[in-house]
PDB file of N, CA and C in Angstrom:
ATOM      1  N   MET A   1      26.068 158.539 -50.924  1.00  0.00           N
ATOM      2  CA  MET A   1      27.202 157.683 -50.657  1.00  0.00           C
ATOM      3  C   MET A   1      28.028 158.294 -49.527  1.00  0.00           C
ATOM      4  N   ILE A   2      28.547 157.439 -48.645  1.00  0.00           N
ATOM      5  CA  ILE A   2      29.432 157.909 -47.590  1.00  0.00           C
ATOM      6  C   ILE A   2      30.740 158.338 -48.243  1.00  0.00           C
ATOM      7  N   ASP A   3      31.195 159.544 -47.927  1.00  0.00           N
ATOM      8  CA  ASP A   3      32.419 160.007 -48.572  1.00  0.00           C
ATOM      9  C   ASP A   3      33.631 159.259 -48.027  1.00  0.00           C
ATOM     10  N   LYS A   4      34.717 159.348 -48.751  1.00  0.00           N
ATOM     11  CA  LYS A   4      35.932 158.585 -48.428  1.00  0.00           C
ATOM     12  C   LYS A   4      36.500 158.962 -47.067  1.00  0.00           C
ATOM     13  N   GLU A   5      36.421 160.216 -46.708  1.00  0.00           N
ATOM     14  CA  GLU A   5      36.951 160.646 -45.415  1.00  0.00           C
ATOM     15  C   GLU A   5      36.160 160.002 -44.271  1.00  0.00           C
ATOM     16  N   LEU A   6      34.853 159.988 -44.399  1.00  0.00           N
ATOM     17  CA  LEU A   6      34.011 159.375 -43.379  1.00  0.00           C
ATOM     18  C   LEU A   6      34.233 157.864 -43.343  1.00  0.00           C
ATOM     19  N   GLU A   7      34.382 157.269 -44.497  1.00  0.00           N
ATOM     20  CA  GLU A   7      34.655 155.833 -44.568  1.00  0.00           C
ATOM     21  C   GLU A   7      35.973 155.510 -43.854  1.00  0.00           C
ATOM     22  N   ARG A   8      37.011 156.313 -44.083  1.00  0.00           N
ATOM     23  CA  ARG A   8      38.300 156.097 -43.401  1.00  0.00           C
ATOM     24  C   ARG A   8      38.146 156.293 -41.894  1.00  0.00           C
ATOM     25  N   TYR A   9      37.318 157.249 -41.498  1.00  0.00           N
ATOM     26  CA  TYR A   9      37.074 157.481 -40.075  1.00  0.00           C
ATOM     27  C   TYR A   9      36.490 156.225 -39.421  1.00  0.00           C
ATOM     28  N   TYR A  10      35.450 155.662 -40.019  1.00  0.00           N
ATOM     29  CA  TYR A  10      34.842 154.458 -39.458  1.00  0.00           C
ATOM     30  C   TYR A  10      35.847 153.310 -39.420  1.00  0.00           C
ATOM     31  N   GLU A  11      36.612 153.144 -40.475  1.00  0.00           N
ATOM     32  CA  GLU A  11      37.604 152.069 -40.519  1.00  0.00           C
ATOM     33  C   GLU A  11      38.655 152.236 -39.425  1.00  0.00           C
ATOM     34  N   SER A  12      39.109 153.466 -39.213  1.00  0.00           N
ATOM     35  CA  SER A  12      40.119 153.689 -38.179  1.00  0.00           C
ATOM     36  C   SER A  12      39.539 153.480 -36.782  1.00  0.00           C
ATOM     37  N   MET A  13      38.281 153.854 -36.597  1.00  0.00           N
ATOM     38  CA  MET A  13      37.652 153.629 -35.298  1.00  0.00           C
ATOM     39  C   MET A  13      37.489 152.136 -35.023  1.00  0.00           C
ATOM     40  N   TYR A  14      37.077 151.371 -36.022  1.00  0.00           N
ATOM     41  CA  TYR A  14      36.935 149.925 -35.831  1.00  0.00           C
ATOM     42  C   TYR A  14      38.283 149.272 -35.580  1.00  0.00           C
ATOM     43  N   SER A  15      39.319 149.784 -36.205  1.00  0.00           N
ATOM     44  CA  SER A  15      40.666 149.287 -35.956  1.00  0.00           C
ATOM     45  C   SER A  15      41.046 149.553 -34.495  1.00  0.00           C
ATOM     46  N   LEU A  16      40.721 150.744 -34.008  1.00  0.00           N
ATOM     47  CA  LEU A  16      40.976 151.093 -32.614  1.00  0.00           C
ATOM     48  C   LEU A  16      40.253 150.129 -31.679  1.00  0.00           C
ATOM     49  N   PHE A  17      38.993 149.847 -31.955  1.00  0.00           N
ATOM     50  CA  PHE A  17      38.194 149.011 -31.072  1.00  0.00           C
ATOM     51  C   PHE A  17      38.721 147.580 -30.981  1.00  0.00           C
ATOM     52  N   HIS A  18      39.453 147.131 -31.994  1.00  0.00           N
ATOM     53  CA  HIS A  18      40.007 145.775 -31.988  1.00  0.00           C
ATOM     54  C   HIS A  18      41.411 145.715 -31.380  1.00  0.00           C
ATOM     55  N   ASN A  19      41.932 146.860 -30.995  1.00  0.00           N
ATOM     56  CA  ASN A  19      43.264 146.959 -30.431  1.00  0.00           C
ATOM     57  C   ASN A  19      43.245 146.512 -28.966  1.00  0.00           C
ATOM     58  N   GLU A  20      44.266 145.768 -28.564  1.00  0.00           N
ATOM     59  CA  GLU A  20      44.338 145.296 -27.174  1.00  0.00           C
ATOM     60  C   GLU A  20      44.433 146.457 -26.187  1.00  0.00           C
ATOM     61  N   GLY A  21      45.098 147.532 -26.587  1.00  0.00           N
ATOM     62  CA  GLY A  21      45.194 148.701 -25.709  1.00  0.00           C
ATOM     63  C   GLY A  21      43.829 149.299 -25.414  1.00  0.00           C
ATOM     64  N   TRP A  22      42.953 149.342 -26.428  1.00  0.00           N
ATOM     65  CA  TRP A  22      41.601 149.860 -26.236  1.00  0.00           C
ATOM     66  C   TRP A  22      40.841 148.973 -25.256  1.00  0.00           C
ATOM     67  N   LYS A  23      40.964 147.667 -25.433  1.00  0.00           N
ATOM     68  CA  LYS A  23      40.265 146.736 -24.551  1.00  0.00           C
ATOM     69  C   LYS A  23      40.760 146.882 -23.118  1.00  0.00           C
ATOM     70  N   SER A  24      42.064 147.088 -22.952  1.00  0.00           N
ATOM     71  CA  SER A  24      42.622 147.294 -21.608  1.00  0.00           C
ATOM     72  C   SER A  24      42.109 148.594 -21.000  1.00  0.00           C
ATOM     73  N   LEU A  25      42.050 149.638 -21.816  1.00  0.00           N
ATOM     74  CA  LEU A  25      41.534 150.918 -21.334  1.00  0.00           C
ATOM     75  C   LEU A  25      40.094 150.774 -20.848  1.00  0.00           C
ATOM     76  N   LEU A  26      39.250 150.112 -21.629  1.00  0.00           N
ATOM     77  CA  LEU A  26      37.855 149.928 -21.220  1.00  0.00           C
ATOM     78  C   LEU A  26      37.765 149.145 -19.916  1.00  0.00           C
ATOM     79  N   SER A  27      38.598 148.137 -19.773  1.00  0.00           N
ATOM     80  CA  SER A  27      38.610 147.351 -18.536  1.00  0.00           C
ATOM     81  C   SER A  27      38.991 148.227 -17.344  1.00  0.00           C
ATOM     82  N   ASP A  28      40.017 149.050 -17.515  1.00  0.00           N
ATOM     83  CA  ASP A  28      40.428 149.965 -16.445  1.00  0.00           C
ATOM     84  C   ASP A  28      39.329 150.968 -16.119  1.00  0.00           C
ATOM     85  N   LEU A  29      38.675 151.487 -17.151  1.00  0.00           N
ATOM     86  CA  LEU A  29      37.609 152.459 -16.920  1.00  0.00           C
ATOM     87  C   LEU A  29      36.445 151.849 -16.150  1.00  0.00           C
ATOM     88  N   LYS A  30      36.106 150.603 -16.475  1.00  0.00           N
ATOM     89  CA  LYS A  30      35.024 149.928 -15.746  1.00  0.00           C
ATOM     90  C   LYS A  30      35.384 149.774 -14.279  1.00  0.00           C
ATOM     91  N   THR A  31      36.622 149.413 -14.013  1.00  0.00           N
ATOM     92  CA  THR A  31      37.083 149.269 -12.632  1.00  0.00           C
ATOM     93  C   THR A  31      37.058 150.616 -11.914  1.00  0.00           C
ATOM     94  N   ASN A  32      37.567 151.648 -12.587  1.00  0.00           N
ATOM     95  CA  ASN A  32      37.582 152.981 -11.990  1.00  0.00           C
ATOM     96  C   ASN A  32      36.175 153.505 -11.731  1.00  0.00           C
ATOM     97  N   ALA A  33      35.259 153.204 -12.621  1.00  0.00           N
ATOM     98  CA  ALA A  33      33.888 153.688 -12.462  1.00  0.00           C
ATOM     99  C   ALA A  33      33.269 153.170 -11.176  1.00  0.00           C
ATOM    100  N   LEU A  34      33.619 151.958 -10.796  1.00  0.00           N
ATOM    101  CA  LEU A  34      33.065 151.396  -9.561  1.00  0.00           C
ATOM    102  C   LEU A  34      33.488 152.204  -8.342  1.00  0.00           C
ATOM    103  N   SER A  35      34.746 152.608  -8.292  1.00  0.00           N
ATOM    104  CA  SER A  35      35.196 153.382  -7.129  1.00  0.00           C
ATOM    105  C   SER A  35      34.735 154.841  -7.210  1.00  0.00           C
ATOM    106  N   ILE A  36      34.657 155.393  -8.414  1.00  0.00           N
ATOM    107  CA  ILE A  36      34.195 156.777  -8.573  1.00  0.00           C
ATOM    108  C   ILE A  36      32.721 156.888  -8.196  1.00  0.00           C
ATOM    109  N   ASN A  37      31.954 155.855  -8.488  1.00  0.00           N
ATOM    110  CA  ASN A  37      30.507 155.867  -8.257  1.00  0.00           C
ATOM    111  C   ASN A  37      30.188 155.437  -6.828  1.00  0.00           C
ATOM    112  N   SER A  38      30.901 156.006  -5.870  1.00  0.00           N
ATOM    113  CA  SER A  38      30.715 155.664  -4.467  1.00  0.00           C
ATOM    114  C   SER A  38      30.314 156.901  -3.673  1.00  0.00           C
ATOM    115  N   VAL A  39      29.132 156.877  -3.133  1.00  0.00           N
ATOM    116  CA  VAL A  39      28.658 158.007  -2.331  1.00  0.00           C
ATOM    117  C   VAL A  39      29.449 158.119  -1.037  1.00  0.00           C
ATOM    118  N   GLU A  40      29.824 157.010  -0.464  1.00  0.00           N
ATOM    119  CA  GLU A  40      30.531 157.057   0.826  1.00  0.00           C
ATOM    120  C   GLU A  40      31.908 157.713   0.712  1.00  0.00           C
ATOM    121  N   ASN A  41      32.496 157.716  -0.475  1.00  0.00           N
ATOM    122  CA  ASN A  41      33.797 158.353  -0.658  1.00  0.00           C
ATOM    123  C   ASN A  41      33.679 159.818  -1.084  1.00  0.00           C
ATOM    124  N   THR A  42      32.468 160.301  -1.264  1.00  0.00           N
ATOM    125  CA  THR A  42      32.239 161.678  -1.689  1.00  0.00           C
ATOM    126  C   THR A  42      32.354 162.602  -0.485  1.00  0.00           C
ATOM    127  N   THR A  43      33.140 163.679  -0.646  1.00  0.00           N
ATOM    128  CA  THR A  43      33.409 164.563   0.488  1.00  0.00           C
ATOM    129  C   THR A  43      32.466 165.756   0.583  1.00  0.00           C
ATOM    130  N   ASP A  44      32.037 166.274  -0.568  1.00  0.00           N
ATOM    131  CA  ASP A  44      31.152 167.437  -0.565  1.00  0.00           C
ATOM    132  C   ASP A  44      30.451 167.543  -1.916  1.00  0.00           C
ATOM    133  N   LEU A  45      29.663 168.599  -2.095  1.00  0.00           N
ATOM    134  CA  LEU A  45      28.900 168.780  -3.323  1.00  0.00           C
ATOM    135  C   LEU A  45      29.812 168.943  -4.544  1.00  0.00           C
ATOM    136  N   ASN A  46      30.920 169.665  -4.379  1.00  0.00           N
ATOM    137  CA  ASN A  46      31.857 169.834  -5.493  1.00  0.00           C
ATOM    138  C   ASN A  46      32.449 168.496  -5.912  1.00  0.00           C
ATOM    139  N   ASP A  47      32.792 167.677  -4.945  1.00  0.00           N
ATOM    140  CA  ASP A  47      33.334 166.350  -5.240  1.00  0.00           C
ATOM    141  C   ASP A  47      32.279 165.491  -5.936  1.00  0.00           C
ATOM    142  N   LEU A  48      31.047 165.609  -5.494  1.00  0.00           N
ATOM    143  CA  LEU A  48      29.954 164.863  -6.119  1.00  0.00           C
ATOM    144  C   LEU A  48      29.792 165.270  -7.588  1.00  0.00           C
ATOM    145  N   GLN A  49      29.822 166.577  -7.852  1.00  0.00           N
ATOM    146  CA  GLN A  49      29.706 167.061  -9.233  1.00  0.00           C
ATOM    147  C   GLN A  49      30.892 166.609 -10.081  1.00  0.00           C
ATOM    148  N   PHE A  50      32.084 166.625  -9.503  1.00  0.00           N
ATOM    149  CA  PHE A  50      33.275 166.173 -10.211  1.00  0.00           C
ATOM    150  C   PHE A  50      33.151 164.694 -10.569  1.00  0.00           C
ATOM    151  N   ARG A  51      32.714 163.884  -9.616  1.00  0.00           N
ATOM    152  CA  ARG A  51      32.527 162.459  -9.861  1.00  0.00           C
ATOM    153  C   ARG A  51      31.467 162.220 -10.943  1.00  0.00           C
ATOM    154  N   LYS A  52      30.430 163.028 -10.912  1.00  0.00           N
ATOM    155  CA  LYS A  52      29.385 162.923 -11.930  1.00  0.00           C
ATOM    156  C   LYS A  52      29.980 163.175 -13.320  1.00  0.00           C
ATOM    157  N   GLY A  53      30.831 164.168 -13.424  1.00  0.00           N
ATOM    158  CA  GLY A  53      31.503 164.457 -14.688  1.00  0.00           C
ATOM    159  C   GLY A  53      32.413 163.324 -15.120  1.00  0.00           C
ATOM    160  N   GLN A  54      33.154 162.768 -14.166  1.00  0.00           N
ATOM    161  CA  GLN A  54      34.025 161.636 -14.485  1.00  0.00           C
ATOM    162  C   GLN A  54      33.209 160.464 -15.025  1.00  0.00           C
ATOM    163  N   LEU A  55      32.117 160.165 -14.368  1.00  0.00           N
ATOM    164  CA  LEU A  55      31.272 159.041 -14.795  1.00  0.00           C
ATOM    165  C   LEU A  55      30.667 159.286 -16.170  1.00  0.00           C
ATOM    166  N   SER A  56      30.333 160.538 -16.459  1.00  0.00           N
ATOM    167  CA  SER A  56      29.788 160.872 -17.770  1.00  0.00           C
ATOM    168  C   SER A  56      30.820 160.613 -18.862  1.00  0.00           C
ATOM    169  N   ILE A  57      32.048 161.020 -18.627  1.00  0.00           N
ATOM    170  CA  ILE A  57      33.113 160.798 -19.609  1.00  0.00           C
ATOM    171  C   ILE A  57      33.396 159.312 -19.763  1.00  0.00           C
ATOM    172  N   ILE A  58      33.460 158.593 -18.663  1.00  0.00           N
ATOM    173  CA  ILE A  58      33.696 157.147 -18.728  1.00  0.00           C
ATOM    174  C   ILE A  58      32.581 156.460 -19.506  1.00  0.00           C
ATOM    175  N   ALA A  59      31.342 156.850 -19.251  1.00  0.00           N
ATOM    176  CA  ALA A  59      30.213 156.250 -19.974  1.00  0.00           C
ATOM    177  C   ALA A  59      30.317 156.518 -21.472  1.00  0.00           C
ATOM    178  N   SER A  60      30.742 157.718 -21.835  1.00  0.00           N
ATOM    179  CA  SER A  60      30.905 158.039 -23.256  1.00  0.00           C
ATOM    180  C   SER A  60      31.950 157.145 -23.904  1.00  0.00           C
ATOM    181  N   LEU A  61      33.054 156.928 -23.223  1.00  0.00           N
ATOM    182  CA  LEU A  61      34.100 156.068 -23.773  1.00  0.00           C
ATOM    183  C   LEU A  61      33.661 154.608 -23.827  1.00  0.00           C
ATOM    184  N   LEU A  62      32.976 154.154 -22.789  1.00  0.00           N
ATOM    185  CA  LEU A  62      32.514 152.763 -22.769  1.00  0.00           C
ATOM    186  C   LEU A  62      31.490 152.496 -23.871  1.00  0.00           C
ATOM    187  N   ASN A  63      30.744 153.528 -24.255  1.00  0.00           N
ATOM    188  CA  ASN A  63      29.703 153.378 -25.271  1.00  0.00           C
ATOM    189  C   ASN A  63      30.133 153.859 -26.653  1.00  0.00           C
ATOM    190  N   LEU A  64      31.381 154.261 -26.796  1.00  0.00           N
ATOM    191  CA  LEU A  64      31.831 154.846 -28.057  1.00  0.00           C
ATOM    192  C   LEU A  64      31.663 153.897 -29.240  1.00  0.00           C
ATOM    193  N   GLU A  65      32.024 152.649 -29.066  1.00  0.00           N
ATOM    194  CA  GLU A  65      31.915 151.706 -30.180  1.00  0.00           C
ATOM    195  C   GLU A  65      30.471 151.602 -30.665  1.00  0.00           C
ATOM    196  N   GLU A  66      29.538 151.503 -29.754  1.00  0.00           N
ATOM    197  CA  GLU A  66      28.125 151.417 -30.143  1.00  0.00           C
ATOM    198  C   GLU A  66      27.655 152.709 -30.795  1.00  0.00           C
ATOM    199  N   GLN A  67      28.133 153.840 -30.307  1.00  0.00           N
ATOM    200  CA  GLN A  67      27.762 155.127 -30.901  1.00  0.00           C
ATOM    201  C   GLN A  67      28.272 155.223 -32.337  1.00  0.00           C
ATOM    202  N   ILE A  68      29.481 154.750 -32.573  1.00  0.00           N
ATOM    203  CA  ILE A  68      30.052 154.784 -33.925  1.00  0.00           C
ATOM    204  C   ILE A  68      29.275 153.856 -34.844  1.00  0.00           C
ATOM    205  N   ARG A  69      28.966 152.668 -34.362  1.00  0.00           N
ATOM    206  CA  ARG A  69      28.196 151.717 -35.180  1.00  0.00           C
ATOM    207  C   ARG A  69      26.818 152.291 -35.530  1.00  0.00           C
ATOM    208  N   ALA A  70      26.174 152.916 -34.552  1.00  0.00           N
ATOM    209  CA  ALA A  70      24.854 153.500 -34.797  1.00  0.00           C
ATOM    210  C   ALA A  70      24.943 154.642 -35.805  1.00  0.00           C
ATOM    211  N   ALA A  71      25.980 155.460 -35.704  1.00  0.00           N
ATOM    212  CA  ALA A  71      26.140 156.567 -36.646  1.00  0.00           C
ATOM    213  C   ALA A  71      26.376 156.040 -38.064  1.00  0.00           C
ATOM    214  N   GLU A  72      27.180 154.990 -38.169  1.00  0.00           N
ATOM    215  CA  GLU A  72      27.430 154.415 -39.491  1.00  0.00           C
ATOM    216  C   GLU A  72      26.155 153.798 -40.067  1.00  0.00           C
ATOM    217  N   GLU A  73      25.417 153.079 -39.231  1.00  0.00           N
ATOM    218  CA  GLU A  73      24.164 152.482 -39.695  1.00  0.00           C
ATOM    219  C   GLU A  73      23.185 153.552 -40.164  1.00  0.00           C
ATOM    220  N   GLN A  74      23.111 154.649 -39.427  1.00  0.00           N
ATOM    221  CA  GLN A  74      22.211 155.737 -39.815  1.00  0.00           C
ATOM    222  C   GLN A  74      22.640 156.321 -41.166  1.00  0.00           C
ATOM    223  N   ALA A  75      23.944 156.509 -41.339  1.00  0.00           N
ATOM    224  CA  ALA A  75      24.439 157.044 -42.614  1.00  0.00           C
ATOM    225  C   ALA A  75      24.121 156.089 -43.758  1.00  0.00           C
ATOM    226  N   LEU A  76      24.240 154.794 -43.497  1.00  0.00           N
ATOM    227  CA  LEU A  76      23.942 153.808 -44.520  1.00  0.00           C
ATOM    228  C   LEU A  76      22.439 153.739 -44.823  1.00  0.00           C
ATOM    229  N   GLU A  77      21.610 153.928 -43.802  1.00  0.00           N
ATOM    230  CA  GLU A  77      20.167 153.936 -44.017  1.00  0.00           C
ATOM    231  C   GLU A  77      19.743 155.157 -44.839  1.00  0.00           C
ATOM    232  N   GLU A  78      20.434 156.254 -44.621  1.00  0.00           N
ATOM    233  CA  GLU A  78      20.107 157.464 -45.383  1.00  0.00           C
ATOM    234  C   GLU A  78      20.526 157.327 -46.840  1.00  0.00           C
ATOM    235  N   ASP A  79      21.522 156.466 -47.108  1.00  0.00           N
ATOM    236  CA  ASP A  79      21.978 156.242 -48.477  1.00  0.00           C
ATOM    237  C   ASP A  79      22.281 154.755 -48.655  1.00  0.00           C
ATOM    238  N   PRO A  80      21.300 153.958 -49.029  1.00  0.00           N
ATOM    239  CA  PRO A  80      21.482 152.502 -49.163  1.00  0.00           C
ATOM    240  C   PRO A  80      22.543 152.120 -50.196  1.00  0.00           C
ATOM    241  N   ASP A  81      22.907 153.017 -51.098  1.00  0.00           N
ATOM    242  CA  ASP A  81      23.911 152.723 -52.118  1.00  0.00           C
ATOM    243  C   ASP A  81      25.328 153.008 -51.639  1.00  0.00           C
ATOM    244  N   ALA A  82      25.468 153.367 -50.344  1.00  0.00           N
ATOM    245  CA  ALA A  82      26.783 153.688 -49.797  1.00  0.00           C
ATOM    246  C   ALA A  82      27.650 152.433 -49.757  1.00  0.00           C
ATOM    247  N   TYR A  83      28.907 152.630 -49.451  1.00  0.00           N
ATOM    248  CA  TYR A  83      29.853 151.514 -49.431  1.00  0.00           C
ATOM    249  C   TYR A  83      29.405 150.415 -48.487  1.00  0.00           C
ATOM    250  N   ASN A  84      29.966 149.250 -48.648  1.00  0.00           N
ATOM    251  CA  ASN A  84      29.678 148.123 -47.748  1.00  0.00           C
ATOM    252  C   ASN A  84      30.774 148.022 -46.727  1.00  0.00           C
ATOM    253  N   GLY A  85      30.687 148.829 -45.611  1.00  0.00           N
ATOM    254  CA  GLY A  85      31.698 148.907 -44.561  1.00  0.00           C
ATOM    255  C   GLY A  85      31.756 147.725 -43.679  1.00  0.00           C
TER     256      GLY A  85
END
């Protein structure tokens, strides 16, 4: 069974994902990713590596909801008698 702390974690994350502020943040990140992912604006190798790091973090945030859903599904598959989240 998924423990209560983990269950509260999933519930709070889903609450976050339905928040208008979260949706606005994702929209801003998508816009920012377009300008960050520009080779012509890259000045040197250090800047390229920095941009790569920025894009990695943005991708993690953009995919967070799916990552949480997948983690919950995996936990539920490991214990079919777990709560009905």
